[in-house]
Amino acid sequence: MDLAELTTKAAAAVAGGSEFAKKVKFDFGDEGKLLIDGPGGTASNEDGDADATIKVTWDDFKKLQAGELDGTMAFMQGKLKVDGDMSVAMQLQSLMSKFS
């Protein structure tokens, strides 16, 4: 999966409204960004304001998606960093399951 495919899946997951009512930005460094606007029902690769920004490498994100890396362990090891509202990051698990 590449960033464009992930963006398409994220957009489909929040289109038409979802229980995810926050804005979150994934910062993949050189790979780009993914901004998910739960209230707006959109996802894009823009660099906008978000309730929380999650910084993680693209490779580690793919491992998280595949279940090869635990989110809590990634956070504790410094592989995943959260700026902003930590509770937003905690709500992502159910939304991320729809990206697969």
Protein backbone atom coordinates (compact mmCIF):
# COMPACT_ATOMS: atom_id res chain seq x y z
CA MET A 1 0.00 0.00 0.00
CA ASP A 2 1.24 3.50 -0.77
CA LEU A 3 0.17 6.87 0.61
CA ALA A 4 -2.34 7.51 -2.19
CA GLU A 5 -4.08 4.18 -1.53
CA LEU A 6 -4.09 4.84 2.23
CA THR A 7 -5.62 8.28 1.65
CA THR A 8 -8.37 6.75 -0.50
CA LYS A 9 -9.14 4.15 2.18
CA ALA A 10 -9.14 6.77 4.93
CA ALA A 11 -11.49 8.98 2.91
CA ALA A 12 -13.88 6.04 2.42
CA ALA A 13 -13.74 5.24 6.15
CA VAL A 14 -14.88 8.73 7.19
CA ALA A 15 -17.11 9.60 4.21
CA GLY A 16 -20.74 10.18 5.06
CA GLY A 17 -19.95 10.62 8.72
CA SER A 18 -18.36 8.26 11.17
CA GLU A 19 -18.05 7.94 14.90
CA PHE A 20 -14.59 9.54 14.63
CA ALA A 21 -15.30 13.22 15.37
CA LYS A 22 -11.78 14.67 15.46
CA LYS A 23 -9.06 15.82 13.09
CA VAL A 24 -5.83 13.85 13.09
CA LYS A 25 -2.72 14.23 10.99
CA PHE A 26 -0.23 11.46 10.30
CA ASP A 27 3.22 12.84 9.53
CA PHE A 28 5.25 10.22 7.66
CA GLY A 29 8.28 12.49 7.21
CA ASP A 30 9.57 12.47 3.62
CA GLU A 31 6.75 10.14 2.55
CA GLY A 32 4.13 12.85 3.13
CA LYS A 33 1.15 13.48 5.35
CA LEU A 34 -2.37 12.19 5.81
CA LEU A 35 -4.94 14.57 7.30
CA ILE A 36 -8.18 12.90 8.41
CA ASP A 37 -11.07 15.27 9.11
CA GLY A 38 -13.67 13.17 10.94
CA PRO A 39 -16.28 15.95 11.28
CA GLY A 40 -15.83 16.93 7.63
CA GLY A 41 -15.82 13.33 6.42
CA THR A 42 -12.66 13.82 4.35
CA ALA A 43 -9.06 12.70 4.13
CA SER A 44 -6.29 14.41 2.17
CA ASN A 45 -2.54 14.80 1.97
CA GLU A 46 -2.69 18.43 3.06
CA ASP A 47 -0.73 19.84 5.96
CA GLY A 48 -3.51 21.43 8.00
CA ASP A 49 -4.40 21.94 11.63
CA ALA A 50 -5.38 18.86 13.60
CA ASP A 51 -6.41 17.93 17.13
CA ALA A 52 -3.45 15.53 17.20
CA THR A 53 -0.44 14.88 14.98
CA ILE A 54 1.05 11.41 14.92
CA LYS A 55 4.64 11.23 13.74
CA VAL A 56 5.71 7.81 12.55
CA THR A 57 7.84 6.51 9.70
CA TRP A 58 6.03 4.98 6.74
CA ASP A 59 7.67 1.60 7.42
CA ASP A 60 6.59 1.59 11.07
CA PHE A 61 3.06 2.65 10.08
CA LYS A 62 2.84 -0.33 7.71
CA LYS A 63 4.00 -2.59 10.55
CA LEU A 64 1.30 -1.13 12.81
CA GLN A 65 -1.31 -1.79 10.11
CA ALA A 66 -0.12 -5.36 9.63
CA GLY A 67 -0.18 -6.06 13.36
CA GLU A 68 3.58 -6.58 13.40
CA LEU A 69 4.12 -3.60 15.74
CA ASP A 70 2.04 -2.77 18.79
CA GLY A 71 1.02 0.90 19.02
CA THR A 72 1.77 1.13 22.73
CA MET A 73 5.21 -0.41 22.27
CA ALA A 74 5.93 1.86 19.31
CA PHE A 75 5.02 4.87 21.47
CA MET A 76 7.16 3.66 24.40
CA GLN A 77 10.12 3.03 22.06
CA GLY A 78 9.83 6.48 20.50
CA LYS A 79 8.87 5.09 17.09
CA LEU A 80 5.51 6.84 17.31
CA LYS A 81 5.12 10.35 18.70
CA VAL A 82 1.89 12.20 19.42
CA ASP A 83 1.63 15.99 19.47
CA GLY A 84 -1.63 17.44 20.74
CA ASP A 85 -4.60 15.61 22.22
CA MET A 86 -3.47 12.10 23.21
CA SER A 87 -7.08 10.93 23.56
CA VAL A 88 -7.51 11.41 19.79
CA ALA A 89 -4.73 8.92 19.16
CA MET A 90 -6.41 6.46 21.51
CA GLN A 91 -9.62 6.66 19.44
CA LEU A 92 -7.85 5.76 16.20
CA GLN A 93 -7.78 1.99 16.63
CA SER A 94 -11.31 1.41 15.36
CA LEU A 95 -10.84 3.82 12.48
CA MET A 96 -7.51 2.31 11.42
CA SER A 97 -9.04 -1.14 11.20
CA LYS A 98 -11.08 0.21 8.26
CA PHE A 99 -7.89 1.12 6.36
CA SER A 100 -6.98 -2.52 5.71
